[in-house]
C-alpha atoms as a PDB file:
ATOM      1  CA  UNK A   1     -83.875 -36.782  10.394  1.00  0.00           C
ATOM      2  CA  UNK A   2     -84.593 -33.282   9.120  1.00  0.00           C
ATOM      3  CA  UNK A   3     -88.083 -32.063   8.527  1.00  0.00           C
ATOM      4  CA  UNK A   4     -88.922 -30.771   5.075  1.00  0.00           C
ATOM      5  CA  UNK A   5     -90.476 -27.313   5.279  1.00  0.00           C
ATOM      6  CA  UNK A   6     -92.567 -25.846   2.437  1.00  0.00           C
ATOM      7  CA  UNK A   7     -90.851 -22.457   2.921  1.00  0.00           C
ATOM      8  CA  UNK A   8     -88.769 -20.579   5.387  1.00  0.00           C
ATOM      9  CA  UNK A   9     -88.382 -16.961   6.051  1.00  0.00           C
ATOM     10  CA  UNK A  10     -85.324 -16.102   8.143  1.00  0.00           C
ATOM     11  CA  UNK A  11     -84.053 -12.534   8.410  1.00  0.00           C
ATOM     12  CA  UNK A  12     -85.886 -11.704   5.191  1.00  0.00           C
ATOM     13  CA  UNK A  13     -84.479 -14.589   3.193  1.00  0.00           C
ATOM     14  CA  UNK A  14     -86.921 -17.138   1.746  1.00  0.00           C
ATOM     15  CA  UNK A  15     -85.965 -20.758   1.878  1.00  0.00           C
ATOM     16  CA  UNK A  16     -87.485 -22.150  -1.293  1.00  0.00           C
ATOM     17  CA  UNK A  17     -89.352 -25.446  -0.936  1.00  0.00           C
ATOM     18  CA  UNK A  18     -87.521 -26.745  -4.058  1.00  0.00           C
ATOM     19  CA  UNK A  19     -84.135 -26.316  -2.489  1.00  0.00           C
ATOM     20  CA  UNK A  20     -82.749 -29.765  -1.517  1.00  0.00           C
ATOM     21  CA  UNK A  21     -82.553 -30.484   2.158  1.00  0.00           C
ATOM     22  CA  UNK A  22     -79.462 -32.314   3.074  1.00  0.00           C
ATOM     23  CA  UNK A  23     -77.938 -33.018   6.403  1.00  0.00           C
ATOM     24  CA  UNK A  24     -74.994 -30.823   7.340  1.00  0.00           C
ATOM     25  CA  UNK A  25     -71.513 -32.141   7.326  1.00  0.00           C
ATOM     26  CA  UNK A  26     -70.434 -34.271  10.197  1.00  0.00           C
ATOM     27  CA  UNK A  27     -67.076 -34.598  11.882  1.00  0.00           C
ATOM     28  CA  UNK A  28     -66.963 -38.378  11.478  1.00  0.00           C
ATOM     29  CA  UNK A  29     -67.341 -40.840   8.631  1.00  0.00           C
ATOM     30  CA  UNK A  30     -66.142 -40.608   5.062  1.00  0.00           C
ATOM     31  CA  UNK A  31     -67.293 -37.010   4.628  1.00  0.00           C
ATOM     32  CA  UNK A  32     -64.862 -35.762   7.266  1.00  0.00           C
ATOM     33  CA  UNK A  33     -61.928 -36.479   4.914  1.00  0.00           C
ATOM     34  CA  UNK A  34     -63.365 -34.211   2.239  1.00  0.00           C
ATOM     35  CA  UNK A  35     -65.006 -31.478   4.250  1.00  0.00           C
ATOM     36  CA  UNK A  36     -63.972 -28.653   1.987  1.00  0.00           C
ATOM     37  CA  UNK A  37     -65.398 -30.506  -1.027  1.00  0.00           C
ATOM     38  CA  UNK A  38     -68.574 -30.936   0.955  1.00  0.00           C
ATOM     39  CA  UNK A  39     -68.665 -27.227   1.727  1.00  0.00           C
ATOM     40  CA  UNK A  40     -68.373 -26.395  -2.023  1.00  0.00           C
ATOM     41  CA  UNK A  41     -71.135 -28.963  -2.652  1.00  0.00           C
ATOM     42  CA  UNK A  42     -73.326 -27.226  -0.065  1.00  0.00           C
ATOM     43  CA  UNK A  43     -72.774 -23.873  -1.734  1.00  0.00           C
ATOM     44  CA  UNK A  44     -73.688 -25.359  -5.074  1.00  0.00           C
ATOM     45  CA  UNK A  45     -76.796 -27.153  -3.831  1.00  0.00           C
ATOM     46  CA  UNK A  46     -77.994 -23.995  -2.108  1.00  0.00           C
ATOM     47  CA  UNK A  47     -76.620 -21.590  -4.732  1.00  0.00           C
ATOM     48  CA  UNK A  48     -79.715 -19.440  -4.860  1.00  0.00           C
ATOM     49  CA  UNK A  49     -79.552 -18.958  -1.114  1.00  0.00           C
ATOM     50  CA  UNK A  50     -75.790 -18.420  -1.333  1.00  0.00           C
ATOM     51  CA  UNK A  51     -76.170 -15.661  -3.894  1.00  0.00           C
ATOM     52  CA  UNK A  52     -78.885 -13.962  -1.829  1.00  0.00           C
ATOM     53  CA  UNK A  53     -76.721 -14.073   1.263  1.00  0.00           C
ATOM     54  CA  UNK A  54     -73.711 -12.774  -0.699  1.00  0.00           C
ATOM     55  CA  UNK A  55     -75.704  -9.938  -2.196  1.00  0.00           C
ATOM     56  CA  UNK A  56     -77.107  -8.960   1.202  1.00  0.00           C
ATOM     57  CA  UNK A  57     -73.774  -9.098   2.955  1.00  0.00           C
ATOM     58  CA  UNK A  58     -72.024  -7.012   0.319  1.00  0.00           C
ATOM     59  CA  UNK A  59     -74.768  -4.342   0.107  1.00  0.00           C
ATOM     60  CA  UNK A  60     -75.564  -4.071   3.799  1.00  0.00           C
ATOM     61  CA  UNK A  61     -72.122  -2.661   4.724  1.00  0.00           C
ATOM     62  CA  UNK A  62     -72.960   0.572   2.860  1.00  0.00           C
ATOM     63  CA  UNK A  63     -76.679   0.579   3.542  1.00  0.00           C
ATOM     64  CA  UNK A  64     -78.079   3.982   4.392  1.00  0.00           C
ATOM     65  CA  UNK A  65     -75.151   5.952   2.974  1.00  0.00           C
ATOM     66  CA  UNK A  66     -75.651   8.369   0.157  1.00  0.00           C
ATOM     67  CA  UNK A  67     -73.008   6.846  -2.149  1.00  0.00           C
ATOM     68  CA  UNK A  68     -73.946   3.215  -1.382  1.00  0.00           C
ATOM     69  CA  UNK A  69     -71.787   0.658  -3.190  1.00  0.00           C
ATOM     70  CA  UNK A  70     -69.648   3.408  -4.707  1.00  0.00           C
ATOM     71  CA  UNK A  71     -67.837   3.475  -1.376  1.00  0.00           C
ATOM     72  CA  UNK A  72     -66.323   0.032  -2.230  1.00  0.00           C
ATOM     73  CA  UNK A  73     -64.482   1.870  -5.004  1.00  0.00           C
ATOM     74  CA  UNK A  74     -63.821   5.172  -3.249  1.00  0.00           C
ATOM     75  CA  UNK A  75     -62.439   3.880   0.068  1.00  0.00           C
ATOM     76  CA  UNK A  76     -59.438   2.142  -1.410  1.00  0.00           C
ATOM     77  CA  UNK A  77     -58.652   5.262  -3.490  1.00  0.00           C
ATOM     78  CA  UNK A  78     -58.852   7.519  -0.444  1.00  0.00           C
ATOM     79  CA  UNK A  79     -56.550   5.186   1.475  1.00  0.00           C
ATOM     80  CA  UNK A  80     -54.158   5.176  -1.457  1.00  0.00           C
ATOM     81  CA  UNK A  81     -54.050   9.003  -1.528  1.00  0.00           C
ATOM     82  CA  UNK A  82     -53.220   9.112   2.193  1.00  0.00           C
ATOM     83  CA  UNK A  83     -50.427   6.544   2.006  1.00  0.00           C
ATOM     84  CA  UNK A  84     -49.001   7.899  -1.231  1.00  0.00           C
ATOM     85  CA  UNK A  85     -48.886  11.387   0.240  1.00  0.00           C
ATOM     86  CA  UNK A  86     -47.031  10.346   3.377  1.00  0.00           C
ATOM     87  CA  UNK A  87     -44.751   7.658   1.877  1.00  0.00           C
ATOM     88  CA  UNK A  88     -44.148   9.321  -1.513  1.00  0.00           C
ATOM     89  CA  UNK A  89     -44.224  13.096  -0.759  1.00  0.00           C
ATOM     90  CA  UNK A  90     -43.395  13.481   2.928  1.00  0.00           C
ATOM     91  CA  UNK A  91     -40.941  10.580   3.461  1.00  0.00           C
ATOM     92  CA  UNK A  92     -39.963  10.375  -0.231  1.00  0.00           C
ATOM     93  CA  UNK A  93     -39.763   6.553  -0.218  1.00  0.00           C
ATOM     94  CA  UNK A  94     -38.916   4.947  -3.575  1.00  0.00           C
ATOM     95  CA  UNK A  95     -38.982   1.368  -4.791  1.00  0.00           C
ATOM     96  CA  UNK A  96     -35.659   1.979  -6.570  1.00  0.00           C
ATOM     97  CA  UNK A  97     -34.064  -0.693  -8.717  1.00  0.00           C
ATOM     98  CA  UNK A  98     -37.191  -2.667  -9.644  1.00  0.00           C
ATOM     99  CA  UNK A  99     -38.137  -1.060 -12.936  1.00  0.00           C
ATOM    100  CA  UNK A 100     -36.916   1.662 -15.209  1.00  0.00           C
ATOM    101  CA  UNK A 101     -38.102   4.967 -13.868  1.00  0.00           C
ATOM    102  CA  UNK A 102     -39.229   3.407 -10.651  1.00  0.00           C
ATOM    103  CA  UNK A 103     -38.895   6.672  -8.830  1.00  0.00           C
ATOM    104  CA  UNK A 104     -42.171   7.991 -10.242  1.00  0.00           C
ATOM    105  CA  UNK A 105     -44.934   8.744  -7.670  1.00  0.00           C
ATOM    106  CA  UNK A 106     -47.487   6.930  -9.825  1.00  0.00           C
ATOM    107  CA  UNK A 107     -45.562   3.721  -9.807  1.00  0.00           C
ATOM    108  CA  UNK A 108     -45.061   3.980  -6.061  1.00  0.00           C
ATOM    109  CA  UNK A 109     -48.855   4.452  -5.707  1.00  0.00           C
ATOM    110  CA  UNK A 110     -49.474   1.270  -7.752  1.00  0.00           C
ATOM    111  CA  UNK A 111     -46.989  -0.715  -5.659  1.00  0.00           C
ATOM    112  CA  UNK A 112     -48.599   0.426  -2.455  1.00  0.00           C
ATOM    113  CA  UNK A 113     -52.090  -0.049  -3.758  1.00  0.00           C
ATOM    114  CA  UNK A 114     -51.539  -3.742  -4.643  1.00  0.00           C
ATOM    115  CA  UNK A 115     -50.160  -4.431  -1.163  1.00  0.00           C
ATOM    116  CA  UNK A 116     -52.987  -2.617   0.535  1.00  0.00           C
ATOM    117  CA  UNK A 117     -55.636  -4.395  -1.563  1.00  0.00           C
ATOM    118  CA  UNK A 118     -54.495  -7.834  -0.574  1.00  0.00           C
ATOM    119  CA  UNK A 119     -53.842  -6.907   3.028  1.00  0.00           C
ATOM    120  CA  UNK A 120     -57.322  -5.271   3.338  1.00  0.00           C
ATOM    121  CA  UNK A 121     -58.859  -8.478   1.949  1.00  0.00           C
ATOM    122  CA  UNK A 122     -57.346 -10.730   4.599  1.00  0.00           C
ATOM    123  CA  UNK A 123     -57.836  -8.105   7.296  1.00  0.00           C
ATOM    124  CA  UNK A 124     -61.520  -7.844   6.544  1.00  0.00           C
ATOM    125  CA  UNK A 125     -61.970 -11.572   6.659  1.00  0.00           C
ATOM    126  CA  UNK A 126     -60.168 -11.956   9.961  1.00  0.00           C
ATOM    127  CA  UNK A 127     -61.783  -8.920  11.617  1.00  0.00           C
ATOM    128  CA  UNK A 128     -65.348  -9.990  10.731  1.00  0.00           C
ATOM    129  CA  UNK A 129     -64.982 -13.705  11.335  1.00  0.00           C
ATOM    130  CA  UNK A 130     -65.239 -13.881  15.170  1.00  0.00           C
ATOM    131  CA  UNK A 131     -68.598 -12.118  15.181  1.00  0.00           C
ATOM    132  CA  UNK A 132     -70.043 -13.417  11.946  1.00  0.00           C
ATOM    133  CA  UNK A 133     -71.960 -16.372  13.360  1.00  0.00           C
ATOM    134  CA  UNK A 134     -73.114 -14.257  16.304  1.00  0.00           C
ATOM    135  CA  UNK A 135     -74.538 -11.696  13.933  1.00  0.00           C
ATOM    136  CA  UNK A 136     -76.378 -14.426  12.012  1.00  0.00           C
ATOM    137  CA  UNK A 137     -77.608 -16.386  15.046  1.00  0.00           C
ATOM    138  CA  UNK A 138     -81.099 -16.610  13.531  1.00  0.00           C
ATOM    139  CA  UNK A 139     -79.786 -19.139  11.049  1.00  0.00           C
ATOM    140  CA  UNK A 140     -78.431 -21.269  13.891  1.00  0.00           C
ATOM    141  CA  UNK A 141     -81.586 -21.259  16.058  1.00  0.00           C
ATOM    142  CA  UNK A 142     -84.594 -21.109  13.763  1.00  0.00           C
ATOM    143  CA  UNK A 143     -84.060 -23.057  10.564  1.00  0.00           C
ATOM    144  CA  UNK A 144     -82.311 -26.072   9.106  1.00  0.00           C
ATOM    145  CA  UNK A 145     -79.508 -24.193   7.509  1.00  0.00           C
ATOM    146  CA  UNK A 146     -76.154 -25.177   6.002  1.00  0.00           C
ATOM    147  CA  UNK A 147     -73.983 -23.249   8.422  1.00  0.00           C
ATOM    148  CA  UNK A 148     -70.804 -24.180   6.561  1.00  0.00           C
ATOM    149  CA  UNK A 149     -71.939 -21.692   3.947  1.00  0.00           C
ATOM    150  CA  UNK A 150     -71.562 -18.639   6.194  1.00  0.00           C
ATOM    151  CA  UNK A 151     -67.742 -18.406   6.288  1.00  0.00           C
ATOM    152  CA  UNK A 152     -67.741 -18.916   2.505  1.00  0.00           C
ATOM    153  CA  UNK A 153     -70.235 -16.057   2.122  1.00  0.00           C
ATOM    154  CA  UNK A 154     -68.109 -13.740   4.202  1.00  0.00           C
ATOM    155  CA  UNK A 155     -64.911 -14.487   2.260  1.00  0.00           C
ATOM    156  CA  UNK A 156     -66.782 -14.227  -1.061  1.00  0.00           C
ATOM    157  CA  UNK A 157     -68.020 -10.823  -0.018  1.00  0.00           C
ATOM    158  CA  UNK A 158     -64.495  -9.678   0.715  1.00  0.00           C
ATOM    159  CA  UNK A 159     -63.480 -11.110  -2.669  1.00  0.00           C
ATOM    160  CA  UNK A 160     -65.948  -8.798  -4.383  1.00  0.00           C
ATOM    161  CA  UNK A 161     -64.374  -5.819  -2.694  1.00  0.00           C
ATOM    162  CA  UNK A 162     -60.927  -7.125  -3.756  1.00  0.00           C
ATOM    163  CA  UNK A 163     -62.100  -7.409  -7.370  1.00  0.00           C
ATOM    164  CA  UNK A 164     -63.399  -3.844  -7.357  1.00  0.00           C
ATOM    165  CA  UNK A 165     -60.029  -2.658  -5.905  1.00  0.00           C
ATOM    166  CA  UNK A 166     -58.021  -4.445  -8.588  1.00  0.00           C
ATOM    167  CA  UNK A 167     -60.215  -2.818 -11.258  1.00  0.00           C
ATOM    168  CA  UNK A 168     -59.299   0.510  -9.691  1.00  0.00           C
ATOM    169  CA  UNK A 169     -55.602  -0.497  -9.799  1.00  0.00           C
ATOM    170  CA  UNK A 170     -55.904  -1.246 -13.543  1.00  0.00           C
ATOM    171  CA  UNK A 171     -57.615   2.103 -14.104  1.00  0.00           C
ATOM    172  CA  UNK A 172     -54.816   3.875 -12.248  1.00  0.00           C
ATOM    173  CA  UNK A 173     -52.274   1.975 -14.229  1.00  0.00           C
ATOM    174  CA  UNK A 174     -53.787   3.187 -17.509  1.00  0.00           C
ATOM    175  CA  UNK A 175     -54.079   6.708 -16.177  1.00  0.00           C
ATOM    176  CA  UNK A 176     -50.346   7.037 -15.595  1.00  0.00           C
ATOM    177  CA  UNK A 177     -49.555   5.616 -19.046  1.00  0.00           C
ATOM    178  CA  UNK A 178     -48.642   2.045 -18.085  1.00  0.00           C
ATOM    179  CA  UNK A 179     -50.117  -0.796 -20.163  1.00  0.00           C
ATOM    180  CA  UNK A 180     -50.725  -3.955 -18.074  1.00  0.00           C
ATOM    181  CA  UNK A 181     -48.550  -6.939 -18.981  1.00  0.00           C
ATOM    182  CA  UNK A 182     -50.140 -10.172 -20.248  1.00  0.00           C
ATOM    183  CA  UNK A 183     -49.199 -11.767 -16.929  1.00  0.00           C
ATOM    184  CA  UNK A 184     -52.014  -9.866 -15.256  1.00  0.00           C
ATOM    185  CA  UNK A 185     -54.281 -12.752 -16.343  1.00  0.00           C
ATOM    186  CA  UNK A 186     -52.374 -14.921 -13.790  1.00  0.00           C
ATOM    187  CA  UNK A 187     -53.725 -12.760 -10.963  1.00  0.00           C
ATOM    188  CA  UNK A 188     -56.534 -15.215  -9.941  1.00  0.00           C
ATOM    189  CA  UNK A 189     -53.962 -18.022  -9.725  1.00  0.00           C
ATOM    190  CA  UNK A 190     -51.683 -15.881  -7.558  1.00  0.00           C
ATOM    191  CA  UNK A 191     -54.492 -14.864  -5.197  1.00  0.00           C
ATOM    192  CA  UNK A 192     -55.773 -18.464  -4.843  1.00  0.00           C
ATOM    193  CA  UNK A 193     -53.480 -19.578  -2.011  1.00  0.00           C
ATOM    194  CA  UNK A 194     -54.406 -16.439  -0.044  1.00  0.00           C
ATOM    195  CA  UNK A 195     -58.122 -17.193  -0.683  1.00  0.00           C
ATOM    196  CA  UNK A 196     -57.645 -20.690   0.765  1.00  0.00           C
ATOM    197  CA  UNK A 197     -55.729 -19.223   3.713  1.00  0.00           C
ATOM    198  CA  UNK A 198     -58.477 -16.650   4.415  1.00  0.00           C
ATOM    199  CA  UNK A 199     -61.204 -19.256   4.233  1.00  0.00           C
ATOM    200  CA  UNK A 200     -59.445 -21.583   6.629  1.00  0.00           C
ATOM    201  CA  UNK A 201     -58.711 -18.903   9.216  1.00  0.00           C
ATOM    202  CA  UNK A 202     -62.148 -17.397   8.825  1.00  0.00           C
ATOM    203  CA  UNK A 203     -63.852 -20.813   9.389  1.00  0.00           C
ATOM    204  CA  UNK A 204     -61.763 -21.349  12.506  1.00  0.00           C
ATOM    205  CA  UNK A 205     -62.384 -17.846  13.911  1.00  0.00           C
ATOM    206  CA  UNK A 206     -66.136 -17.976  13.100  1.00  0.00           C
ATOM    207  CA  UNK A 207     -66.439 -21.027  15.279  1.00  0.00           C
ATOM    208  CA  UNK A 208     -64.111 -19.862  17.995  1.00  0.00           C
ATOM    209  CA  UNK A 209     -65.899 -16.549  18.292  1.00  0.00           C
ATOM    210  CA  UNK A 210     -69.123 -18.314  19.221  1.00  0.00           C
ATOM    211  CA  UNK A 211     -67.531 -19.968  22.254  1.00  0.00           C
ATOM    212  CA  UNK A 212     -64.915 -17.340  23.259  1.00  0.00           C
ATOM    213  CA  UNK A 213     -66.344 -13.853  22.762  1.00  0.00           C
ATOM    214  CA  UNK A 214     -63.078 -12.204  23.856  1.00  0.00           C
ATOM    215  CA  UNK A 215     -61.321 -13.449  20.704  1.00  0.00           C
ATOM    216  CA  UNK A 216     -62.805 -10.526  18.787  1.00  0.00           C
ATOM    217  CA  UNK A 217     -60.807  -8.046  20.907  1.00  0.00           C
ATOM    218  CA  UNK A 218     -57.569  -9.854  20.146  1.00  0.00           C
ATOM    219  CA  UNK A 219     -57.939  -9.845  16.381  1.00  0.00           C
ATOM    220  CA  UNK A 220     -57.209  -6.132  15.767  1.00  0.00           C
ATOM    221  CA  UNK A 221     -53.621  -6.217  17.125  1.00  0.00           C
ATOM    222  CA  UNK A 222     -52.954  -9.551  15.383  1.00  0.00           C
ATOM    223  CA  UNK A 223     -54.185  -8.115  12.096  1.00  0.00           C
ATOM    224  CA  UNK A 224     -51.852  -5.132  12.580  1.00  0.00           C
ATOM    225  CA  UNK A 225     -48.949  -7.481  13.275  1.00  0.00           C
ATOM    226  CA  UNK A 226     -49.741  -9.369  10.039  1.00  0.00           C
ATOM    227  CA  UNK A 227     -49.406  -6.095   8.142  1.00  0.00           C
ATOM    228  CA  UNK A 228     -45.843  -5.575   9.474  1.00  0.00           C
ATOM    229  CA  UNK A 229     -44.966  -9.235   8.783  1.00  0.00           C
ATOM    230  CA  UNK A 230     -45.937  -8.727   5.170  1.00  0.00           C
ATOM    231  CA  UNK A 231     -44.320  -6.506   2.543  1.00  0.00           C
ATOM    232  CA  UNK A 232     -47.244  -4.086   2.284  1.00  0.00           C
ATOM    233  CA  UNK A 233     -45.161  -0.908   2.654  1.00  0.00           C
ATOM    234  CA  UNK A 234     -41.634  -2.249   2.069  1.00  0.00           C
ATOM    235  CA  UNK A 235     -39.976  -4.410  -0.554  1.00  0.00           C
ATOM    236  CA  UNK A 236     -39.179  -7.930   0.414  1.00  0.00           C
ATOM    237  CA  UNK A 237     -35.521  -7.438  -0.603  1.00  0.00           C
ATOM    238  CA  UNK A 238     -35.215  -4.856   2.202  1.00  0.00           C
ATOM    239  CA  UNK A 239     -35.353  -7.703   4.745  1.00  0.00           C
ATOM    240  CA  UNK A 240     -32.309  -9.586   5.899  1.00  0.00           C
ATOM    241  CA  UNK A 241     -31.440 -12.564   3.729  1.00  0.00           C
ATOM    242  CA  UNK A 242     -32.141 -15.202   6.423  1.00  0.00           C
ATOM    243  CA  UNK A 243     -35.753 -13.966   6.943  1.00  0.00           C
ATOM    244  CA  UNK A 244     -36.899 -14.007   3.302  1.00  0.00           C
ATOM    245  CA  UNK A 245     -37.304 -17.822   2.948  1.00  0.00           C
ATOM    246  CA  UNK A 246     -39.664 -17.848   5.966  1.00  0.00           C
ATOM    247  CA  UNK A 247     -41.985 -15.406   4.243  1.00  0.00           C
ATOM    248  CA  UNK A 248     -42.903 -18.267   1.904  1.00  0.00           C
ATOM    249  CA  UNK A 249     -44.956 -19.646   4.755  1.00  0.00           C
ATOM    250  CA  UNK A 250     -47.002 -16.412   4.787  1.00  0.00           C
ATOM    251  CA  UNK A 251     -49.475 -16.585   1.879  1.00  0.00           C
ATOM    252  CA  UNK A 252     -50.140 -12.862   2.170  1.00  0.00           C
ATOM    253  CA  UNK A 253     -46.455 -11.938   1.773  1.00  0.00           C
ATOM    254  CA  UNK A 254     -46.026 -14.103  -1.318  1.00  0.00           C
ATOM    255  CA  UNK A 255     -49.327 -12.977  -2.861  1.00  0.00           C
ATOM    256  CA  UNK A 256     -48.327  -9.307  -2.485  1.00  0.00           C
ATOM    257  CA  UNK A 257     -44.906  -9.888  -4.061  1.00  0.00           C
ATOM    258  CA  UNK A 258     -46.227 -12.053  -6.880  1.00  0.00           C
ATOM    259  CA  UNK A 259     -49.172  -9.792  -7.635  1.00  0.00           C
ATOM    260  CA  UNK A 260     -46.823  -6.811  -7.923  1.00  0.00           C
ATOM    261  CA  UNK A 261     -44.584  -8.850 -10.185  1.00  0.00           C
ATOM    262  CA  UNK A 262     -47.280  -9.984 -12.669  1.00  0.00           C
ATOM    263  CA  UNK A 263     -49.206  -6.703 -12.699  1.00  0.00           C
ATOM    264  CA  UNK A 264     -46.403  -4.140 -12.840  1.00  0.00           C
ATOM    265  CA  UNK A 265     -43.248  -5.881 -14.039  1.00  0.00           C
ATOM    266  CA  UNK A 266     -44.450  -8.723 -16.221  1.00  0.00           C
ATOM    267  CA  UNK A 267     -42.724 -11.351 -14.055  1.00  0.00           C
ATOM    268  CA  UNK A 268     -43.913 -14.935 -13.890  1.00  0.00           C
ATOM    269  CA  UNK A 269     -44.515 -16.319 -10.353  1.00  0.00           C
ATOM    270  CA  UNK A 270     -41.649 -18.448  -8.989  1.00  0.00           C
ATOM    271  CA  UNK A 271     -42.890 -22.068  -9.071  1.00  0.00           C
ATOM    272  CA  UNK A 272     -41.486 -23.489  -5.821  1.00  0.00           C
ATOM    273  CA  UNK A 273     -42.523 -20.577  -3.549  1.00  0.00           C
ATOM    274  CA  UNK A 274     -45.950 -20.550  -5.143  1.00  0.00           C
ATOM    275  CA  UNK A 275     -46.458 -24.302  -4.527  1.00  0.00           C
ATOM    276  CA  UNK A 276     -45.331 -23.904  -0.933  1.00  0.00           C
ATOM    277  CA  UNK A 277     -47.801 -21.063  -0.433  1.00  0.00           C
ATOM    278  CA  UNK A 278     -50.569 -23.099  -2.109  1.00  0.00           C
ATOM    279  CA  UNK A 279     -49.887 -26.067   0.210  1.00  0.00           C
ATOM    280  CA  UNK A 280     -49.989 -23.805   3.253  1.00  0.00           C
ATOM    281  CA  UNK A 281     -53.209 -22.280   2.084  1.00  0.00           C
ATOM    282  CA  UNK A 282     -54.840 -25.607   1.382  1.00  0.00           C
ATOM    283  CA  UNK A 283     -53.756 -27.110   4.724  1.00  0.00           C
ATOM    284  CA  UNK A 284     -55.104 -24.059   6.543  1.00  0.00           C
ATOM    285  CA  UNK A 285     -58.409 -24.305   4.628  1.00  0.00           C
ATOM    286  CA  UNK A 286     -58.823 -27.976   5.458  1.00  0.00           C
ATOM    287  CA  UNK A 287     -57.950 -27.515   9.114  1.00  0.00           C
ATOM    288  CA  UNK A 288     -60.326 -24.601   9.493  1.00  0.00           C
ATOM    289  CA  UNK A 289     -63.169 -26.473   7.810  1.00  0.00           C
ATOM    290  CA  UNK A 290     -62.519 -29.490   9.970  1.00  0.00           C
ATOM    291  CA  UNK A 291     -62.672 -27.374  13.105  1.00  0.00           C
ATOM    292  CA  UNK A 292     -65.883 -25.689  12.014  1.00  0.00           C
ATOM    293  CA  UNK A 293     -67.610 -28.970  11.281  1.00  0.00           C
ATOM    294  CA  UNK A 294     -66.382 -30.424  14.550  1.00  0.00           C
ATOM    295  CA  UNK A 295     -67.694 -27.521  16.679  1.00  0.00           C
ATOM    296  CA  UNK A 296     -70.834 -26.380  14.853  1.00  0.00           C
ATOM    297  CA  UNK A 297     -73.131 -28.728  16.699  1.00  0.00           C
ATOM    298  CA  UNK A 298     -72.784 -26.692  19.912  1.00  0.00           C
ATOM    299  CA  UNK A 299     -73.540 -23.316  18.418  1.00  0.00           C
ATOM    300  CA  UNK A 300     -77.266 -23.431  19.359  1.00  0.00           C
ATOM    301  CA  UNK A 301     -76.426 -24.261  22.925  1.00  0.00           C
ATOM    302  CA  UNK A 302     -74.372 -21.080  23.520  1.00  0.00           C
ATOM    303  CA  UNK A 303     -76.197 -18.552  21.365  1.00  0.00           C
END
């Protein structure tokens, strides 16, 4: 039975006495069948703490720099300039045949930018996950804390960066004289399977990184491999015909293609591939949450 504390201070965060104290999720019983719903419930019950953690995580990455949070807007633009210069000017790559006037450098920049934004989102989640619990070990050792919230905080922080990047994409689209299509409002729906996928893998890697510290060294090459397995810098129709159906199992690949379709070309997402991607994302999320709940009890013993 958990003790009710009047207040906690852990790493500068105050645990309010009015916050409800509930036992964490267990890996057995009825709750184990609905672990992701329980995670959402934990985030809602401790929403003030969740928002404080999210604000801290998002702001700390640029802490001490002169430009601060402005870097979250500038870094994607700088990356875009580099890739557009090499792919568009040096190698003269074009996404020919997709739209009228598709040879323009501005349109190529938009196409690359969308792919980079979604790839950077999943890459950030996977790269940070193995060390995220280790860097927040105080929450494991010192207080009664809903640990299931930590992977959600990390993914939500990456989502904020993604939102800022998509705002930059819309500004770039206006600046080259392209009006966004109405289908741009479907963007949250298109990104949802990737969000589920990222949360599931992040939950799994957050837990695995506590027990196997070497996993953090393996993530970098795997994240690079994911970039080449996804149409970040090439159109999906450039792949052989027999490979394309398998990309439906990669939520990142489908999210990139469908985001480009709705933002640049006014295309509605294909129903069947989207549902397959959504199913893959949900299964990954449930599996990752189950693994985290199953292994979280031993965190304090190895930290």
